[in-house]
PDB file of N, CA and C in Angstrom:
ATOM      1  N   MET A   1     145.734  61.543   8.731  1.00  0.00           N
ATOM      2  CA  MET A   1     145.984  62.541   7.632  1.00  0.00           C
ATOM      3  C   MET A   1     146.726  63.527   8.712  1.00  0.00           C
ATOM      4  N   SER A   2     147.956  63.624   8.300  1.00  0.00           N
ATOM      5  CA  SER A   2     148.597  64.409   8.976  1.00  0.00           C
ATOM      6  C   SER A   2     148.853  66.006   8.789  1.00  0.00           C
ATOM      7  N   ASP A   3     147.846  66.240   7.444  1.00  0.00           N
ATOM      8  CA  ASP A   3     147.919  67.605   6.950  1.00  0.00           C
ATOM      9  C   ASP A   3     146.692  68.239   7.355  1.00  0.00           C
ATOM     10  N   GLU A   4     145.744  67.369   8.138  1.00  0.00           N
ATOM     11  CA  GLU A   4     144.362  67.819   8.569  1.00  0.00           C
ATOM     12  C   GLU A   4     144.602  69.308   9.215  1.00  0.00           C
ATOM     13  N   ILE A   5     143.659  70.224   8.608  1.00  0.00           N
ATOM     14  CA  ILE A   5     143.472  71.472   9.427  1.00  0.00           C
ATOM     15  C   ILE A   5     142.350  71.473  10.205  1.00  0.00           C
ATOM     16  N   LEU A   6     142.506  71.903  11.438  1.00  0.00           N
ATOM     17  CA  LEU A   6     141.392  72.154  12.454  1.00  0.00           C
ATOM     18  C   LEU A   6     140.886  73.459  12.704  1.00  0.00           C
ATOM     19  N   THR A   7     139.499  73.883  13.113  1.00  0.00           N
ATOM     20  CA  THR A   7     138.986  75.039  13.340  1.00  0.00           C
ATOM     21  C   THR A   7     139.449  75.429  14.744  1.00  0.00           C
ATOM     22  N   LEU A   8     139.099  76.208  15.345  1.00  0.00           N
ATOM     23  CA  LEU A   8     139.122  76.769  16.723  1.00  0.00           C
ATOM     24  C   LEU A   8     138.438  75.780  17.861  1.00  0.00           C
ATOM     25  N   PRO A   9     137.092  75.776  17.106  1.00  0.00           N
ATOM     26  CA  PRO A   9     136.013  74.727  18.144  1.00  0.00           C
ATOM     27  C   PRO A   9     136.685  73.620  18.026  1.00  0.00           C
ATOM     28  N   GLU A  10     137.134  72.911  17.197  1.00  0.00           N
ATOM     29  CA  GLU A  10     137.572  71.374  17.130  1.00  0.00           C
ATOM     30  C   GLU A  10     138.832  71.602  17.740  1.00  0.00           C
ATOM     31  N   VAL A  11     139.987  72.465  17.921  1.00  0.00           N
ATOM     32  CA  VAL A  11     141.015  72.344  18.744  1.00  0.00           C
ATOM     33  C   VAL A  11     140.498  72.357  20.202  1.00  0.00           C
ATOM     34  N   ALA A  12     139.614  73.307  20.771  1.00  0.00           N
ATOM     35  CA  ALA A  12     139.039  73.256  22.021  1.00  0.00           C
ATOM     36  C   ALA A  12     138.475  72.080  22.343  1.00  0.00           C
ATOM     37  N   GLN A  13     137.677  71.386  21.502  1.00  0.00           N
ATOM     38  CA  GLN A  13     137.129  69.853  21.950  1.00  0.00           C
ATOM     39  C   GLN A  13     138.304  68.933  22.140  1.00  0.00           C
ATOM     40  N   LEU A  14     139.456  69.146  21.103  1.00  0.00           N
ATOM     41  CA  LEU A  14     140.492  68.170  21.201  1.00  0.00           C
ATOM     42  C   LEU A  14     141.319  68.068  22.532  1.00  0.00           C
ATOM     43  N   LEU A  15     141.552  69.504  22.863  1.00  0.00           N
ATOM     44  CA  LEU A  15     142.316  69.824  24.151  1.00  0.00           C
ATOM     45  C   LEU A  15     141.169  69.756  25.311  1.00  0.00           C
ATOM     46  N   LYS A  16     139.998  69.666  25.473  1.00  0.00           N
ATOM     47  CA  LYS A  16     139.207  69.888  26.448  1.00  0.00           C
ATOM     48  C   LYS A  16     139.179  71.000  27.105  1.00  0.00           C
ATOM     49  N   VAL A  17     139.144  72.043  26.358  1.00  0.00           N
ATOM     50  CA  VAL A  17     139.045  73.514  27.094  1.00  0.00           C
ATOM     51  C   VAL A  17     138.177  74.223  26.293  1.00  0.00           C
ATOM     52  N   ALA A  18     137.980  75.478  27.024  1.00  0.00           N
ATOM     53  CA  ALA A  18     136.932  76.657  26.323  1.00  0.00           C
ATOM     54  C   ALA A  18     137.587  76.978  25.076  1.00  0.00           C
ATOM     55  N   GLU A  19     136.808  77.504  23.988  1.00  0.00           N
ATOM     56  CA  GLU A  19     137.303  77.943  22.658  1.00  0.00           C
ATOM     57  C   GLU A  19     137.925  79.221  23.330  1.00  0.00           C
ATOM     58  N   LYS A  20     137.368  80.340  24.116  1.00  0.00           N
ATOM     59  CA  LYS A  20     138.265  81.473  24.431  1.00  0.00           C
ATOM     60  C   LYS A  20     139.721  81.171  24.878  1.00  0.00           C
ATOM     61  N   THR A  21     140.333  80.066  25.583  1.00  0.00           N
ATOM     62  CA  THR A  21     141.316  79.458  26.025  1.00  0.00           C
ATOM     63  C   THR A  21     142.125  79.054  24.742  1.00  0.00           C
ATOM     64  N   VAL A  22     141.777  78.679  23.538  1.00  0.00           N
ATOM     65  CA  VAL A  22     142.460  78.468  22.536  1.00  0.00           C
ATOM     66  C   VAL A  22     142.729  79.846  21.946  1.00  0.00           C
ATOM     67  N   TYR A  23     141.714  80.548  21.686  1.00  0.00           N
ATOM     68  CA  TYR A  23     141.802  81.926  21.082  1.00  0.00           C
ATOM     69  C   TYR A  23     142.896  82.544  21.867  1.00  0.00           C
ATOM     70  N   THR A  24     142.785  82.899  23.250  1.00  0.00           N
ATOM     71  CA  THR A  24     143.872  83.737  23.729  1.00  0.00           C
ATOM     72  C   THR A  24     145.517  82.837  23.272  1.00  0.00           C
ATOM     73  N   MET A  25     145.705  81.584  23.500  1.00  0.00           N
ATOM     74  CA  MET A  25     146.776  80.916  23.354  1.00  0.00           C
ATOM     75  C   MET A  25     147.169  81.133  22.167  1.00  0.00           C
ATOM     76  N   ALA A  26     146.305  81.016  21.014  1.00  0.00           N
ATOM     77  CA  ALA A  26     146.836  81.377  19.688  1.00  0.00           C
ATOM     78  C   ALA A  26     147.340  82.693  19.683  1.00  0.00           C
ATOM     79  N   GLN A  27     146.446  83.632  20.044  1.00  0.00           N
ATOM     80  CA  GLN A  27     146.901  85.076  19.871  1.00  0.00           C
ATOM     81  C   GLN A  27     148.278  85.464  20.360  1.00  0.00           C
ATOM     82  N   LYS A  28     148.584  84.546  21.718  1.00  0.00           N
ATOM     83  CA  LYS A  28     149.663  84.806  22.427  1.00  0.00           C
ATOM     84  C   LYS A  28     151.036  84.085  21.932  1.00  0.00           C
ATOM     85  N   GLY A  29     150.502  83.218  20.749  1.00  0.00           N
ATOM     86  CA  GLY A  29     151.687  82.510  20.166  1.00  0.00           C
ATOM     87  C   GLY A  29     152.085  81.195  20.900  1.00  0.00           C
ATOM     88  N   GLU A  30     151.264  80.844  21.953  1.00  0.00           N
ATOM     89  CA  GLU A  30     151.423  79.650  22.861  1.00  0.00           C
ATOM     90  C   GLU A  30     150.845  78.393  22.093  1.00  0.00           C
ATOM     91  N   LEU A  31     150.029  78.342  20.980  1.00  0.00           N
ATOM     92  CA  LEU A  31     149.767  77.398  20.452  1.00  0.00           C
ATOM     93  C   LEU A  31     150.126  77.619  19.041  1.00  0.00           C
ATOM     94  N   PRO A  32     150.657  76.552  18.306  1.00  0.00           N
ATOM     95  CA  PRO A  32     150.940  76.694  16.775  1.00  0.00           C
ATOM     96  C   PRO A  32     149.616  76.949  15.958  1.00  0.00           C
ATOM     97  N   ALA A  33     149.561  78.060  15.318  1.00  0.00           N
ATOM     98  CA  ALA A  33     148.224  78.456  14.707  1.00  0.00           C
ATOM     99  C   ALA A  33     148.566  79.443  13.509  1.00  0.00           C
ATOM    100  N   PHE A  34     147.740  79.545  12.688  1.00  0.00           N
ATOM    101  CA  PHE A  34     147.893  80.558  11.630  1.00  0.00           C
ATOM    102  C   PHE A  34     146.549  81.038  11.360  1.00  0.00           C
ATOM    103  N   LYS A  35     146.413  82.210  10.675  1.00  0.00           N
ATOM    104  CA  LYS A  35     144.945  82.827  10.342  1.00  0.00           C
ATOM    105  C   LYS A  35     144.820  82.593   8.984  1.00  0.00           C
ATOM    106  N   VAL A  36     143.461  82.372   8.507  1.00  0.00           N
ATOM    107  CA  VAL A  36     142.811  82.576   7.058  1.00  0.00           C
ATOM    108  C   VAL A  36     141.814  83.228   7.170  1.00  0.00           C
ATOM    109  N   GLY A  37     141.862  84.253   6.562  1.00  0.00           N
ATOM    110  CA  GLY A  37     140.633  85.139   6.495  1.00  0.00           C
ATOM    111  C   GLY A  37     140.085  85.704   7.692  1.00  0.00           C
ATOM    112  N   GLY A  38     141.152  85.943   8.638  1.00  0.00           N
ATOM    113  CA  GLY A  38     140.944  86.679   9.870  1.00  0.00           C
ATOM    114  C   GLY A  38     140.442  85.362  11.219  1.00  0.00           C
ATOM    115  N   GLN A  39     140.318  84.049  10.564  1.00  0.00           N
ATOM    116  CA  GLN A  39     139.935  83.004  11.681  1.00  0.00           C
ATOM    117  C   GLN A  39     141.187  82.246  11.871  1.00  0.00           C
ATOM    118  N   TRP A  40     141.352  81.779  12.994  1.00  0.00           N
ATOM    119  CA  TRP A  40     142.145  80.875  13.432  1.00  0.00           C
ATOM    120  C   TRP A  40     142.078  79.609  12.842  1.00  0.00           C
ATOM    121  N   ARG A  41     143.317  78.979  12.377  1.00  0.00           N
ATOM    122  CA  ARG A  41     143.326  77.711  12.085  1.00  0.00           C
ATOM    123  C   ARG A  41     144.590  76.874  12.531  1.00  0.00           C
ATOM    124  N   PHE A  42     144.438  75.371  12.648  1.00  0.00           N
ATOM    125  CA  PHE A  42     145.526  74.717  13.400  1.00  0.00           C
ATOM    126  C   PHE A  42     145.748  73.450  12.824  1.00  0.00           C
ATOM    127  N   ARG A  43     147.086  73.326  12.178  1.00  0.00           N
ATOM    128  CA  ARG A  43     147.579  72.120  11.532  1.00  0.00           C
ATOM    129  C   ARG A  43     147.782  71.129  12.469  1.00  0.00           C
ATOM    130  N   ARG A  44     146.820  69.848  12.420  1.00  0.00           N
ATOM    131  CA  ARG A  44     146.906  68.720  13.376  1.00  0.00           C
ATOM    132  C   ARG A  44     148.204  68.276  13.808  1.00  0.00           C
ATOM    133  N   ALA A  45     149.091  67.931  12.888  1.00  0.00           N
ATOM    134  CA  ALA A  45     150.341  67.486  12.978  1.00  0.00           C
ATOM    135  C   ALA A  45     151.327  68.423  13.973  1.00  0.00           C
ATOM    136  N   ASN A  46     150.935  69.929  13.990  1.00  0.00           N
ATOM    137  CA  ASN A  46     151.696  70.842  14.530  1.00  0.00           C
ATOM    138  C   ASN A  46     151.125  70.703  15.987  1.00  0.00           C
ATOM    139  N   LEU A  47     149.805  70.335  16.366  1.00  0.00           N
ATOM    140  CA  LEU A  47     149.090  70.425  17.647  1.00  0.00           C
ATOM    141  C   LEU A  47     149.680  69.019  18.319  1.00  0.00           C
ATOM    142  N   ASP A  48     149.922  68.032  17.593  1.00  0.00           N
ATOM    143  CA  ASP A  48     150.412  66.592  17.869  1.00  0.00           C
ATOM    144  C   ASP A  48     151.712  67.081  18.695  1.00  0.00           C
ATOM    145  N   SER A  49     152.546  67.721  17.753  1.00  0.00           N
ATOM    146  CA  SER A  49     153.957  67.727  18.182  1.00  0.00           C
ATOM    147  C   SER A  49     154.032  68.806  19.502  1.00  0.00           C
ATOM    148  N   TRP A  50     153.281  69.758  19.482  1.00  0.00           N
ATOM    149  CA  TRP A  50     153.000  70.632  20.714  1.00  0.00           C
ATOM    150  C   TRP A  50     152.576  69.887  21.875  1.00  0.00           C
ATOM    151  N   ILE A  51     151.685  69.049  21.714  1.00  0.00           N
ATOM    152  CA  ILE A  51     151.134  67.921  22.791  1.00  0.00           C
ATOM    153  C   ILE A  51     152.660  67.230  23.295  1.00  0.00           C
ATOM    154  N   ASP A  52     153.152  66.719  22.484  1.00  0.00           N
ATOM    155  CA  ASP A  52     154.302  65.809  22.744  1.00  0.00           C
ATOM    156  C   ASP A  52     155.216  66.514  23.380  1.00  0.00           C
ATOM    157  N   ALA A  53     155.463  67.670  23.157  1.00  0.00           N
ATOM    158  CA  ALA A  53     156.511  68.593  23.684  1.00  0.00           C
ATOM    159  C   ALA A  53     156.130  68.739  25.259  1.00  0.00           C
ATOM    160  N   LYS A  54     155.050  69.239  25.440  1.00  0.00           N
ATOM    161  CA  LYS A  54     154.476  69.604  26.795  1.00  0.00           C
ATOM    162  C   LYS A  54     154.416  68.441  27.456  1.00  0.00           C
ATOM    163  N   THR A  55     153.981  67.141  27.144  1.00  0.00           N
ATOM    164  CA  THR A  55     153.913  65.961  27.792  1.00  0.00           C
ATOM    165  C   THR A  55     155.461  65.623  28.155  1.00  0.00           C
ATOM    166  N   ARG A  56     156.420  65.705  27.423  1.00  0.00           N
ATOM    167  CA  ARG A  56     157.792  65.456  27.773  1.00  0.00           C
ATOM    168  C   ARG A  56     158.394  66.477  28.816  1.00  0.00           C
ATOM    169  N   ARG A  57     158.039  67.724  28.607  1.00  0.00           N
ATOM    170  CA  ARG A  57     158.480  68.638  29.449  1.00  0.00           C
ATOM    171  C   ARG A  57     157.942  68.458  30.946  1.00  0.00           C
ATOM    172  N   ALA A  58     156.472  68.133  30.942  1.00  0.00           N
ATOM    173  CA  ALA A  58     156.001  67.829  32.439  1.00  0.00           C
ATOM    174  C   ALA A  58     156.418  66.312  32.881  1.00  0.00           C
ATOM    175  N   ALA A  59     156.855  65.483  32.171  1.00  0.00           N
ATOM    176  CA  ALA A  59     157.417  64.349  32.744  1.00  0.00           C
ATOM    177  C   ALA A  59     158.867  64.633  33.362  1.00  0.00           C
ATOM    178  N   GLY A  60     159.335  65.369  32.464  1.00  0.00           N
ATOM    179  CA  GLY A  60     160.770  65.807  33.049  1.00  0.00           C
ATOM    180  C   GLY A  60     160.941  66.605  34.240  1.00  0.00           C
ATOM    181  N   GLU A  61     159.762  67.247  34.422  1.00  0.00           N
ATOM    182  CA  GLU A  61     159.703  68.390  35.713  1.00  0.00           C
ATOM    183  C   GLU A  61     159.332  67.248  36.639  1.00  0.00           C
ATOM    184  N   GLU A  62     158.578  66.234  36.576  1.00  0.00           N
ATOM    185  CA  GLU A  62     158.199  65.309  37.770  1.00  0.00           C
ATOM    186  C   GLU A  62     159.320  64.524  38.155  1.00  0.00           C
ATOM    187  N   GLU A  63     160.373  64.009  37.299  1.00  0.00           N
ATOM    188  CA  GLU A  63     161.403  63.390  37.568  1.00  0.00           C
ATOM    189  C   GLU A  63     162.596  64.057  38.185  1.00  0.00           C
ATOM    190  N   SER A  64     162.488  65.425  38.081  1.00  0.00           N
ATOM    191  CA  SER A  64     163.360  66.176  38.826  1.00  0.00           C
ATOM    192  C   SER A  64     163.035  66.650  40.314  1.00  0.00           C
ATOM    193  N   LYS A  65     162.092  66.205  40.611  1.00  0.00           N
ATOM    194  CA  LYS A  65     161.324  66.445  42.162  1.00  0.00           C
ATOM    195  C   LYS A  65     161.734  65.505  42.913  1.00  0.00           C
TER     196      LYS A  65
END
């Protein structure tokens, strides 16, 4: 289901990081997120694209070394 909406704790679990890390990244605009009633929400498809982009960038950096 590509339109799945995740909560902050779910994203923290998915990325294997602390909830505070996800919160800070969302606030800074480093993660694709939006607010509903003052709480952060994340579209799974956007997170998957973000992860793919980060993975490609990291692979490109490794190749250039």
